[in-house]
Amino acid sequence: MNATHPLAHLVQGFFQEYMAAQRGLSPNTILSYRDALKLFLCFASQRAEKPVDKLVLEDFDEILALKFLDDLEAGRGNCTAVRNNRLAAVRAFFRYVAGQDPLALSRCQRICSIPTKRTEHITIEYLEDKEISAVLESVDRNSRKGIRDYALLLFLYNTGARVQEIVDLNLIDVRLQTPFQVKLTGKGKKERLCPLWPESVAALEKYFSLRHPGASQESPVFVNSNGRRITRFGIRYLVRQYAAEAAQTCPTVKSKTISPHTFRHYLPFLTMSSDIGQVRLST
């Protein structure tokens, strides 16, 4: 590659052709990689004392990449996990560059060989049956918002769905006739069918009865107060809100950091009893 050639076409090809078209990565992954590469380019610009649009491939090497990673932790206060995520984006970009220009292979290999940093093992917290019950029972099911929130929390518990899977969920994906089930689209656009409990179906039907009758099958399942698709942040907010309320009646909840992802780690073999909100262990 010509040493005076800018990086613009490589960056454009990486995001438009490689990440989206060839690898089919999710929008959130692409945004995460975009942010990481933006930070790296700005860091390189400062170190080379030249504008970003004047950077060339020869401005980048493993020494610069290591200094960038160190700056993330020491300068920006990022944790090790964030550092490793940024490194993953940098590696992906230079693997793409190596494929586009074989003459850059050696430079790219050195950057891609930077190891990830070991992180402390974090014990995954899970919710016990009494804690799940406390969270569900903290919802006021007599209000319009409470009906939606209860259906959403119960859906989280029933399916163990990721937040983005719930955000992306459309009415056409939910089957409220026998067999009760929902089609979830996960990472890599992989689809899976998950059975729904009768209690989840009842909660969803009650919630849907409050929705506009003319909603199309492509409409989102869960919407916010403005009638728009609920966001990841909206789901996290309401989970934390009800967890805080549940802690008043169930002290063990207070000692746990509860997020939507926590619902993916509930005790195995849990089923809902006929009394909605009460949980029992199946035998």
C-alpha atoms as a PDB file:
ATOM      1  CA  MET A   1       0.000   0.000   0.000  1.00  0.00           C
ATOM      2  CA  ASN A   2       1.166   3.485  -0.778  1.00  0.00           C
ATOM      3  CA  ALA A   3       2.366   5.171   2.436  1.00  0.00           C
ATOM      4  CA  THR A   4       0.475   8.329   1.526  1.00  0.00           C
ATOM      5  CA  HIS A   5      -2.817   6.525   1.039  1.00  0.00           C
ATOM      6  CA  PRO A   6      -5.437   7.506   3.664  1.00  0.00           C
ATOM      7  CA  LEU A   7      -7.469   5.008   5.653  1.00  0.00           C
ATOM      8  CA  ALA A   8     -10.877   6.284   4.567  1.00  0.00           C
ATOM      9  CA  HIS A   9     -11.617   3.551   2.026  1.00  0.00           C
ATOM     10  CA  LEU A  10     -10.479   0.832   4.427  1.00  0.00           C
ATOM     11  CA  VAL A  11     -12.692   2.096   7.239  1.00  0.00           C
ATOM     12  CA  GLN A  12     -15.631   2.427   4.873  1.00  0.00           C
ATOM     13  CA  GLY A  13     -15.142  -1.055   3.484  1.00  0.00           C
ATOM     14  CA  PHE A  14     -14.730  -2.527   6.973  1.00  0.00           C
ATOM     15  CA  PHE A  15     -18.106  -1.264   8.176  1.00  0.00           C
ATOM     16  CA  GLN A  16     -20.188  -1.320   5.003  1.00  0.00           C
ATOM     17  CA  GLU A  17     -18.914  -4.410   3.217  1.00  0.00           C
ATOM     18  CA  TYR A  18     -17.264  -6.602   5.804  1.00  0.00           C
ATOM     19  CA  MET A  19     -19.129  -6.188   9.104  1.00  0.00           C
ATOM     20  CA  ALA A  20     -22.656  -5.656   7.829  1.00  0.00           C
ATOM     21  CA  ALA A  21     -22.762  -7.547   4.533  1.00  0.00           C
ATOM     22  CA  GLN A  22     -20.242 -10.372   4.948  1.00  0.00           C
ATOM     23  CA  ARG A  23     -20.335 -11.126   8.677  1.00  0.00           C
ATOM     24  CA  GLY A  24     -23.913  -9.994   9.287  1.00  0.00           C
ATOM     25  CA  LEU A  25     -23.125  -8.616  12.740  1.00  0.00           C
ATOM     26  CA  SER A  26     -25.838  -6.982  14.819  1.00  0.00           C
ATOM     27  CA  PRO A  27     -26.285  -3.184  14.750  1.00  0.00           C
ATOM     28  CA  ASN A  28     -25.174  -2.989  18.390  1.00  0.00           C
ATOM     29  CA  THR A  29     -21.919  -4.826  17.652  1.00  0.00           C
ATOM     30  CA  ILE A  30     -21.251  -2.563  14.692  1.00  0.00           C
ATOM     31  CA  LEU A  31     -21.874   0.520  16.834  1.00  0.00           C
ATOM     32  CA  SER A  32     -19.525  -0.829  19.516  1.00  0.00           C
ATOM     33  CA  TYR A  33     -16.781  -1.439  16.942  1.00  0.00           C
ATOM     34  CA  ARG A  34     -17.391   1.985  15.427  1.00  0.00           C
ATOM     35  CA  ASP A  35     -16.922   3.687  18.797  1.00  0.00           C
ATOM     36  CA  ALA A  36     -13.753   1.695  19.491  1.00  0.00           C
ATOM     37  CA  LEU A  37     -12.217   2.514  16.120  1.00  0.00           C
ATOM     38  CA  LYS A  38     -13.170   6.174  16.512  1.00  0.00           C
ATOM     39  CA  LEU A  39     -11.304   6.328  19.818  1.00  0.00           C
ATOM     40  CA  PHE A  40      -8.288   4.577  18.304  1.00  0.00           C
ATOM     41  CA  LEU A  41      -8.148   6.912  15.321  1.00  0.00           C
ATOM     42  CA  CYS A  42      -8.404   9.987  17.562  1.00  0.00           C
ATOM     43  CA  PHE A  43      -5.644   8.613  19.799  1.00  0.00           C
ATOM     44  CA  ALA A  44      -3.436   7.935  16.767  1.00  0.00           C
ATOM     45  CA  SER A  45      -4.135  11.425  15.474  1.00  0.00           C
ATOM     46  CA  GLN A  46      -2.922  12.977  18.702  1.00  0.00           C
ATOM     47  CA  ARG A  47       0.190  10.825  18.851  1.00  0.00           C
ATOM     48  CA  ALA A  48       1.105  11.472  15.194  1.00  0.00           C
ATOM     49  CA  GLU A  49       0.172  15.151  15.506  1.00  0.00           C
ATOM     50  CA  LYS A  50      -1.830  15.103  12.310  1.00  0.00           C
ATOM     51  CA  PRO A  51      -5.557  15.251  11.480  1.00  0.00           C
ATOM     52  CA  VAL A  52      -7.486  11.987  11.387  1.00  0.00           C
ATOM     53  CA  ASP A  53      -8.092  12.309   7.652  1.00  0.00           C
ATOM     54  CA  LYS A  54      -4.320  12.476   7.068  1.00  0.00           C
ATOM     55  CA  LEU A  55      -3.537   9.223   8.881  1.00  0.00           C
ATOM     56  CA  VAL A  56      -2.031   6.401   6.827  1.00  0.00           C
ATOM     57  CA  LEU A  57      -1.561   2.745   7.578  1.00  0.00           C
ATOM     58  CA  GLU A  58       2.111   3.250   8.450  1.00  0.00           C
ATOM     59  CA  ASP A  59       1.053   5.400  11.426  1.00  0.00           C
ATOM     60  CA  PHE A  60      -0.243   2.264  13.150  1.00  0.00           C
ATOM     61  CA  ASP A  61       1.713  -0.500  14.825  1.00  0.00           C
ATOM     62  CA  GLU A  62       1.502  -2.744  17.883  1.00  0.00           C
ATOM     63  CA  ILE A  63       3.282  -0.171  20.073  1.00  0.00           C
ATOM     64  CA  LEU A  64       0.645   2.444  19.312  1.00  0.00           C
ATOM     65  CA  ALA A  65      -2.127  -0.090  19.906  1.00  0.00           C
ATOM     66  CA  LEU A  66      -0.692  -1.037  23.309  1.00  0.00           C
ATOM     67  CA  LYS A  67      -0.401   2.613  24.312  1.00  0.00           C
ATOM     68  CA  PHE A  68      -4.013   3.123  23.258  1.00  0.00           C
ATOM     69  CA  LEU A  69      -5.155   0.181  25.396  1.00  0.00           C
ATOM     70  CA  ASP A  70      -3.155   1.428  28.377  1.00  0.00           C
ATOM     71  CA  ASP A  71      -4.670   4.883  27.962  1.00  0.00           C
ATOM     72  CA  LEU A  72      -8.160   3.413  28.057  1.00  0.00           C
ATOM     73  CA  GLU A  73      -7.515   2.077  31.546  1.00  0.00           C
ATOM     74  CA  ALA A  74      -5.190   4.741  32.977  1.00  0.00           C
ATOM     75  CA  GLY A  75      -6.542   7.823  31.199  1.00  0.00           C
ATOM     76  CA  ARG A  76     -10.212   7.068  30.638  1.00  0.00           C
ATOM     77  CA  GLY A  77     -10.743   4.815  33.637  1.00  0.00           C
ATOM     78  CA  ASN A  78     -12.147   1.917  31.612  1.00  0.00           C
ATOM     79  CA  CYS A  79     -12.295  -1.521  33.173  1.00  0.00           C
ATOM     80  CA  THR A  80     -10.407  -4.513  31.792  1.00  0.00           C
ATOM     81  CA  ALA A  81     -13.528  -5.871  30.075  1.00  0.00           C
ATOM     82  CA  VAL A  82     -13.970  -2.619  28.126  1.00  0.00           C
ATOM     83  CA  ARG A  83     -10.280  -2.675  27.210  1.00  0.00           C
ATOM     84  CA  ASN A  84     -10.663  -6.181  25.817  1.00  0.00           C
ATOM     85  CA  ASN A  85     -13.779  -5.196  23.861  1.00  0.00           C
ATOM     86  CA  ARG A  86     -11.890  -2.290  22.277  1.00  0.00           C
ATOM     87  CA  LEU A  87      -9.022  -4.628  21.436  1.00  0.00           C
ATOM     88  CA  ALA A  88     -11.451  -7.024  19.748  1.00  0.00           C
ATOM     89  CA  ALA A  89     -12.598  -4.195  17.472  1.00  0.00           C
ATOM     90  CA  VAL A  90      -9.008  -3.176  16.643  1.00  0.00           C
ATOM     91  CA  ARG A  91      -8.111  -6.777  15.845  1.00  0.00           C
ATOM     92  CA  ALA A  92     -11.145  -7.189  13.599  1.00  0.00           C
ATOM     93  CA  PHE A  93     -10.248  -4.059  11.641  1.00  0.00           C
ATOM     94  CA  PHE A  94      -6.618  -5.029  11.052  1.00  0.00           C
ATOM     95  CA  ARG A  95      -7.581  -8.565  10.082  1.00  0.00           C
ATOM     96  CA  TYR A  96      -9.763  -6.959   7.424  1.00  0.00           C
ATOM     97  CA  VAL A  97      -6.907  -4.665   6.349  1.00  0.00           C
ATOM     98  CA  ALA A  98      -4.561  -7.665   6.016  1.00  0.00           C
ATOM     99  CA  GLY A  99      -7.043  -9.310   3.667  1.00  0.00           C
ATOM    100  CA  GLN A 100      -7.286  -6.190   1.544  1.00  0.00           C
ATOM    101  CA  ASP A 101      -3.551  -5.564   1.258  1.00  0.00           C
ATOM    102  CA  PRO A 102      -1.190  -8.562   1.636  1.00  0.00           C
ATOM    103  CA  LEU A 103       1.787  -6.173   1.889  1.00  0.00           C
ATOM    104  CA  ALA A 104       0.365  -5.003   5.244  1.00  0.00           C
ATOM    105  CA  LEU A 105       0.104  -8.565   6.581  1.00  0.00           C
ATOM    106  CA  SER A 106       3.150  -8.416   8.870  1.00  0.00           C
ATOM    107  CA  ARG A 107       2.086  -5.102  10.447  1.00  0.00           C
ATOM    108  CA  CYS A 108      -1.472  -6.336  10.945  1.00  0.00           C
ATOM    109  CA  GLN A 109      -0.334  -9.659  12.414  1.00  0.00           C
ATOM    110  CA  ARG A 110       1.679  -7.889  15.100  1.00  0.00           C
ATOM    111  CA  ILE A 111      -1.306  -5.792  16.096  1.00  0.00           C
ATOM    112  CA  CYS A 112      -3.673  -8.776  16.063  1.00  0.00           C
ATOM    113  CA  SER A 113      -1.261 -10.789  18.239  1.00  0.00           C
ATOM    114  CA  ILE A 114      -1.765  -8.446  21.212  1.00  0.00           C
ATOM    115  CA  PRO A 115      -3.289 -10.664  23.902  1.00  0.00           C
ATOM    116  CA  THR A 116      -6.421  -9.878  25.835  1.00  0.00           C
ATOM    117  CA  LYS A 117      -5.951  -8.983  29.465  1.00  0.00           C
ATOM    118  CA  ARG A 118      -7.120 -11.399  32.106  1.00  0.00           C
ATOM    119  CA  THR A 119     -10.091 -10.245  34.118  1.00  0.00           C
ATOM    120  CA  GLU A 120     -11.205 -11.190  37.584  1.00  0.00           C
ATOM    121  CA  HIS A 121     -13.726 -14.002  37.711  1.00  0.00           C
ATOM    122  CA  ILE A 122     -17.091 -12.545  38.604  1.00  0.00           C
ATOM    123  CA  THR A 123     -19.619 -14.796  40.277  1.00  0.00           C
ATOM    124  CA  ILE A 124     -22.860 -14.666  38.322  1.00  0.00           C
ATOM    125  CA  GLU A 125     -25.774 -13.741  40.548  1.00  0.00           C
ATOM    126  CA  TYR A 126     -29.107 -15.451  40.110  1.00  0.00           C
ATOM    127  CA  LEU A 127     -32.592 -14.929  41.480  1.00  0.00           C
ATOM    128  CA  GLU A 128     -34.234 -17.450  43.768  1.00  0.00           C
ATOM    129  CA  ASP A 129     -37.944 -18.202  43.622  1.00  0.00           C
ATOM    130  CA  LYS A 130     -38.878 -15.893  46.507  1.00  0.00           C
ATOM    131  CA  GLU A 131     -36.896 -13.062  44.896  1.00  0.00           C
ATOM    132  CA  ILE A 132     -38.569 -13.529  41.525  1.00  0.00           C
ATOM    133  CA  SER A 133     -41.947 -13.505  43.288  1.00  0.00           C
ATOM    134  CA  ALA A 134     -41.054 -10.302  45.143  1.00  0.00           C
ATOM    135  CA  VAL A 135     -40.084  -8.531  41.907  1.00  0.00           C
ATOM    136  CA  LEU A 136     -43.261  -9.631  40.112  1.00  0.00           C
ATOM    137  CA  GLU A 137     -45.488  -8.765  43.053  1.00  0.00           C
ATOM    138  CA  SER A 138     -44.028  -5.257  43.273  1.00  0.00           C
ATOM    139  CA  VAL A 139     -45.821  -4.359  40.024  1.00  0.00           C
ATOM    140  CA  ASP A 140     -49.170  -2.557  40.261  1.00  0.00           C
ATOM    141  CA  ARG A 141     -51.212  -4.645  37.827  1.00  0.00           C
ATOM    142  CA  ASN A 142     -54.197  -2.312  38.102  1.00  0.00           C
ATOM    143  CA  SER A 143     -52.491   0.436  36.103  1.00  0.00           C
ATOM    144  CA  ARG A 144     -51.920   0.542  32.363  1.00  0.00           C
ATOM    145  CA  LYS A 145     -48.163   0.839  32.813  1.00  0.00           C
ATOM    146  CA  GLY A 146     -48.163  -1.937  35.406  1.00  0.00           C
ATOM    147  CA  ILE A 147     -49.951  -4.318  33.057  1.00  0.00           C
ATOM    148  CA  ARG A 148     -47.233  -3.765  30.462  1.00  0.00           C
ATOM    149  CA  ASP A 149     -44.420  -4.012  32.995  1.00  0.00           C
ATOM    150  CA  TYR A 150     -45.757  -7.208  34.510  1.00  0.00           C
ATOM    151  CA  ALA A 151     -46.062  -8.820  31.084  1.00  0.00           C
ATOM    152  CA  LEU A 152     -42.510  -7.751  30.256  1.00  0.00           C
ATOM    153  CA  LEU A 153     -40.984  -9.005  33.525  1.00  0.00           C
ATOM    154  CA  LEU A 154     -42.844 -12.294  33.289  1.00  0.00           C
ATOM    155  CA  PHE A 155     -41.715 -12.628  29.676  1.00  0.00           C
ATOM    156  CA  LEU A 156     -38.100 -12.070  30.762  1.00  0.00           C
ATOM    157  CA  TYR A 157     -38.444 -14.728  33.440  1.00  0.00           C
ATOM    158  CA  ASN A 158     -40.232 -17.197  31.167  1.00  0.00           C
ATOM    159  CA  THR A 159     -37.889 -16.938  28.173  1.00  0.00           C
ATOM    160  CA  GLY A 160     -34.537 -15.744  29.520  1.00  0.00           C
ATOM    161  CA  ALA A 161     -34.427 -13.486  26.474  1.00  0.00           C
ATOM    162  CA  ARG A 162     -31.692 -10.936  26.001  1.00  0.00           C
ATOM    163  CA  VAL A 163     -32.675  -7.278  26.190  1.00  0.00           C
ATOM    164  CA  GLN A 164     -32.101  -6.706  22.475  1.00  0.00           C
ATOM    165  CA  GLU A 165     -34.233  -9.732  21.639  1.00  0.00           C
ATOM    166  CA  ILE A 166     -37.132  -8.156  23.519  1.00  0.00           C
ATOM    167  CA  VAL A 167     -36.557  -4.780  21.889  1.00  0.00           C
ATOM    168  CA  ASP A 168     -36.619  -6.363  18.428  1.00  0.00           C
ATOM    169  CA  LEU A 169     -39.658  -8.534  19.128  1.00  0.00           C
ATOM    170  CA  ASN A 170     -42.709  -7.964  16.881  1.00  0.00           C
ATOM    171  CA  LEU A 171     -46.287  -9.125  17.278  1.00  0.00           C
ATOM    172  CA  ILE A 172     -45.860 -11.621  14.448  1.00  0.00           C
ATOM    173  CA  ASP A 173     -43.211 -13.407  16.524  1.00  0.00           C
ATOM    174  CA  VAL A 174     -45.622 -14.239  19.367  1.00  0.00           C
ATOM    175  CA  ARG A 175     -48.059 -17.150  19.148  1.00  0.00           C
ATOM    176  CA  LEU A 176     -50.840 -16.981  21.741  1.00  0.00           C
ATOM    177  CA  GLN A 177     -52.618 -20.100  20.490  1.00  0.00           C
ATOM    178  CA  THR A 178     -51.620 -23.662  21.236  1.00  0.00           C
ATOM    179  CA  PRO A 179     -48.734 -24.328  21.144  1.00  0.00           C
ATOM    180  CA  PHE A 180     -47.903 -21.110  22.996  1.00  0.00           C
ATOM    181  CA  GLN A 181     -44.482 -19.934  21.851  1.00  0.00           C
ATOM    182  CA  VAL A 182     -42.354 -17.013  20.755  1.00  0.00           C
ATOM    183  CA  LYS A 183     -39.678 -16.738  18.074  1.00  0.00           C
ATOM    184  CA  LEU A 184     -36.593 -14.958  19.355  1.00  0.00           C
ATOM    185  CA  THR A 185     -33.822 -13.657  17.121  1.00  0.00           C
ATOM    186  CA  GLY A 186     -30.494 -13.680  18.914  1.00  0.00           C
ATOM    187  CA  LYS A 187     -26.896 -12.890  18.107  1.00  0.00           C
ATOM    188  CA  GLY A 188     -25.852 -13.604  14.557  1.00  0.00           C
ATOM    189  CA  LYS A 189     -29.531 -13.459  13.562  1.00  0.00           C
ATOM    190  CA  LYS A 190     -30.001 -16.979  14.902  1.00  0.00           C
ATOM    191  CA  GLU A 191     -33.654 -17.790  15.553  1.00  0.00           C
ATOM    192  CA  ARG A 192     -35.043 -20.064  18.240  1.00  0.00           C
ATOM    193  CA  LEU A 193     -38.512 -20.971  19.469  1.00  0.00           C
ATOM    194  CA  CYS A 194     -39.274 -20.685  23.158  1.00  0.00           C
ATOM    195  CA  PRO A 195     -42.449 -22.063  24.796  1.00  0.00           C
ATOM    196  CA  LEU A 196     -44.627 -19.645  26.740  1.00  0.00           C
ATOM    197  CA  TRP A 197     -46.261 -20.442  30.048  1.00  0.00           C
ATOM    198  CA  PRO A 198     -50.055 -20.026  30.229  1.00  0.00           C
ATOM    199  CA  GLU A 199     -49.439 -17.275  32.802  1.00  0.00           C
ATOM    200  CA  SER A 200     -47.219 -15.423  30.335  1.00  0.00           C
ATOM    201  CA  VAL A 201     -49.856 -15.783  27.614  1.00  0.00           C
ATOM    202  CA  ALA A 202     -52.535 -14.404  29.958  1.00  0.00           C
ATOM    203  CA  ALA A 203     -50.344 -11.419  30.865  1.00  0.00           C
ATOM    204  CA  LEU A 204     -49.565 -10.700  27.223  1.00  0.00           C
ATOM    205  CA  GLU A 205     -53.215 -10.963  26.188  1.00  0.00           C
ATOM    206  CA  LYS A 206     -54.207  -8.495  28.891  1.00  0.00           C
ATOM    207  CA  TYR A 207     -51.464  -6.125  27.769  1.00  0.00           C
ATOM    208  CA  PHE A 208     -52.382  -6.467  24.091  1.00  0.00           C
ATOM    209  CA  SER A 209     -56.025  -5.682  24.891  1.00  0.00           C
ATOM    210  CA  LEU A 210     -54.918  -2.179  25.857  1.00  0.00           C
ATOM    211  CA  ARG A 211     -53.003  -1.647  22.623  1.00  0.00           C
ATOM    212  CA  HIS A 212     -54.399  -0.011  19.507  1.00  0.00           C
ATOM    213  CA  PRO A 213     -56.594  -2.606  17.742  1.00  0.00           C
ATOM    214  CA  GLY A 214     -55.185  -1.641  14.352  1.00  0.00           C
ATOM    215  CA  ALA A 215     -51.596  -2.539  15.218  1.00  0.00           C
ATOM    216  CA  SER A 216     -49.945  -4.489  12.406  1.00  0.00           C
ATOM    217  CA  GLN A 217     -48.124  -7.778  12.844  1.00  0.00           C
ATOM    218  CA  GLU A 218     -44.844  -5.912  12.320  1.00  0.00           C
ATOM    219  CA  SER A 219     -45.539  -3.654  15.307  1.00  0.00           C
ATOM    220  CA  PRO A 220     -43.294  -4.060  18.355  1.00  0.00           C
ATOM    221  CA  VAL A 221     -44.549  -6.231  21.207  1.00  0.00           C
ATOM    222  CA  PHE A 222     -43.445  -3.863  23.957  1.00  0.00           C
ATOM    223  CA  VAL A 223     -43.788  -0.114  23.529  1.00  0.00           C
ATOM    224  CA  ASN A 224     -43.049   2.876  25.747  1.00  0.00           C
ATOM    225  CA  SER A 225     -45.467   5.550  26.958  1.00  0.00           C
ATOM    226  CA  ASN A 226     -45.223   7.280  23.566  1.00  0.00           C
ATOM    227  CA  GLY A 227     -46.251   4.156  21.706  1.00  0.00           C
ATOM    228  CA  ARG A 228     -42.775   3.635  20.277  1.00  0.00           C
ATOM    229  CA  ARG A 229     -40.624   0.515  20.521  1.00  0.00           C
ATOM    230  CA  ILE A 230     -39.232   0.199  24.020  1.00  0.00           C
ATOM    231  CA  THR A 231     -35.472   0.693  24.323  1.00  0.00           C
ATOM    232  CA  ARG A 232     -32.759  -1.282  26.048  1.00  0.00           C
ATOM    233  CA  PHE A 233     -32.378   1.538  28.550  1.00  0.00           C
ATOM    234  CA  GLY A 234     -36.110   1.585  29.205  1.00  0.00           C
ATOM    235  CA  ILE A 235     -36.103  -2.116  30.062  1.00  0.00           C
ATOM    236  CA  ARG A 236     -33.089  -1.753  32.332  1.00  0.00           C
ATOM    237  CA  TYR A 237     -34.744   1.175  34.104  1.00  0.00           C
ATOM    238  CA  LEU A 238     -37.970  -0.632  34.913  1.00  0.00           C
ATOM    239  CA  VAL A 239     -36.140  -3.809  36.054  1.00  0.00           C
ATOM    240  CA  ARG A 240     -34.057  -1.764  38.484  1.00  0.00           C
ATOM    241  CA  GLN A 241     -37.146   0.156  39.591  1.00  0.00           C
ATOM    242  CA  TYR A 242     -39.069  -2.971  40.534  1.00  0.00           C
ATOM    243  CA  ALA A 243     -36.000  -4.613  42.048  1.00  0.00           C
ATOM    244  CA  ALA A 244     -35.663  -1.628  44.372  1.00  0.00           C
ATOM    245  CA  GLU A 245     -39.318  -1.938  45.374  1.00  0.00           C
ATOM    246  CA  ALA A 246     -38.992  -5.698  45.850  1.00  0.00           C
ATOM    247  CA  ALA A 247     -36.056  -5.156  48.225  1.00  0.00           C
ATOM    248  CA  GLN A 248     -38.458  -3.570  50.722  1.00  0.00           C
ATOM    249  CA  THR A 249     -40.268  -6.873  51.209  1.00  0.00           C
ATOM    250  CA  CYS A 250     -37.469  -9.292  50.310  1.00  0.00           C
ATOM    251  CA  PRO A 251     -34.187  -8.202  51.970  1.00  0.00           C
ATOM    252  CA  THR A 252     -32.026 -10.607  49.935  1.00  0.00           C
ATOM    253  CA  VAL A 253     -32.863  -8.663  46.779  1.00  0.00           C
ATOM    254  CA  LYS A 254     -31.096  -5.639  48.229  1.00  0.00           C
ATOM    255  CA  SER A 255     -27.766  -7.472  48.301  1.00  0.00           C
ATOM    256  CA  LYS A 256     -27.892  -8.287  44.573  1.00  0.00           C
ATOM    257  CA  THR A 257     -27.267  -6.184  41.491  1.00  0.00           C
ATOM    258  CA  ILE A 258     -30.309  -7.005  39.394  1.00  0.00           C
ATOM    259  CA  SER A 259     -30.472  -6.264  35.684  1.00  0.00           C
ATOM    260  CA  PRO A 260     -32.428  -7.772  32.792  1.00  0.00           C
ATOM    261  CA  HIS A 261     -29.550 -10.199  32.282  1.00  0.00           C
ATOM    262  CA  THR A 262     -30.032 -11.529  35.826  1.00  0.00           C
ATOM    263  CA  PHE A 263     -33.245 -13.171  34.668  1.00  0.00           C
ATOM    264  CA  ARG A 264     -31.133 -15.417  32.427  1.00  0.00           C
ATOM    265  CA  HIS A 265     -29.591 -17.005  35.530  1.00  0.00           C
ATOM    266  CA  TYR A 266     -32.584 -18.008  37.607  1.00  0.00           C
ATOM    267  CA  LEU A 267     -32.592 -21.361  39.364  1.00  0.00           C
ATOM    268  CA  PRO A 268     -33.115 -24.258  36.906  1.00  0.00           C
ATOM    269  CA  PHE A 269     -36.378 -26.132  36.525  1.00  0.00           C
ATOM    270  CA  LEU A 270     -38.562 -23.298  37.777  1.00  0.00           C
ATOM    271  CA  THR A 271     -42.194 -23.231  36.707  1.00  0.00           C
ATOM    272  CA  MET A 272     -45.020 -20.836  37.417  1.00  0.00           C
ATOM    273  CA  SER A 273     -47.861 -22.021  39.622  1.00  0.00           C
ATOM    274  CA  SER A 274     -51.513 -21.441  38.859  1.00  0.00           C
ATOM    275  CA  ASP A 275     -51.428 -18.366  41.082  1.00  0.00           C
ATOM    276  CA  ILE A 276     -49.659 -15.767  38.946  1.00  0.00           C
ATOM    277  CA  GLY A 277     -46.674 -14.308  40.702  1.00  0.00           C
ATOM    278  CA  GLN A 278     -46.110 -17.323  42.963  1.00  0.00           C
ATOM    279  CA  VAL A 279     -43.259 -19.582  41.947  1.00  0.00           C
ATOM    280  CA  ARG A 280     -42.610 -23.186  42.873  1.00  0.00           C
ATOM    281  CA  LEU A 281     -39.861 -25.676  42.154  1.00  0.00           C
ATOM    282  CA  SER A 282     -40.896 -28.422  39.799  1.00  0.00           C
ATOM    283  CA  THR A 283     -40.010 -31.972  40.709  1.00  0.00           C
END
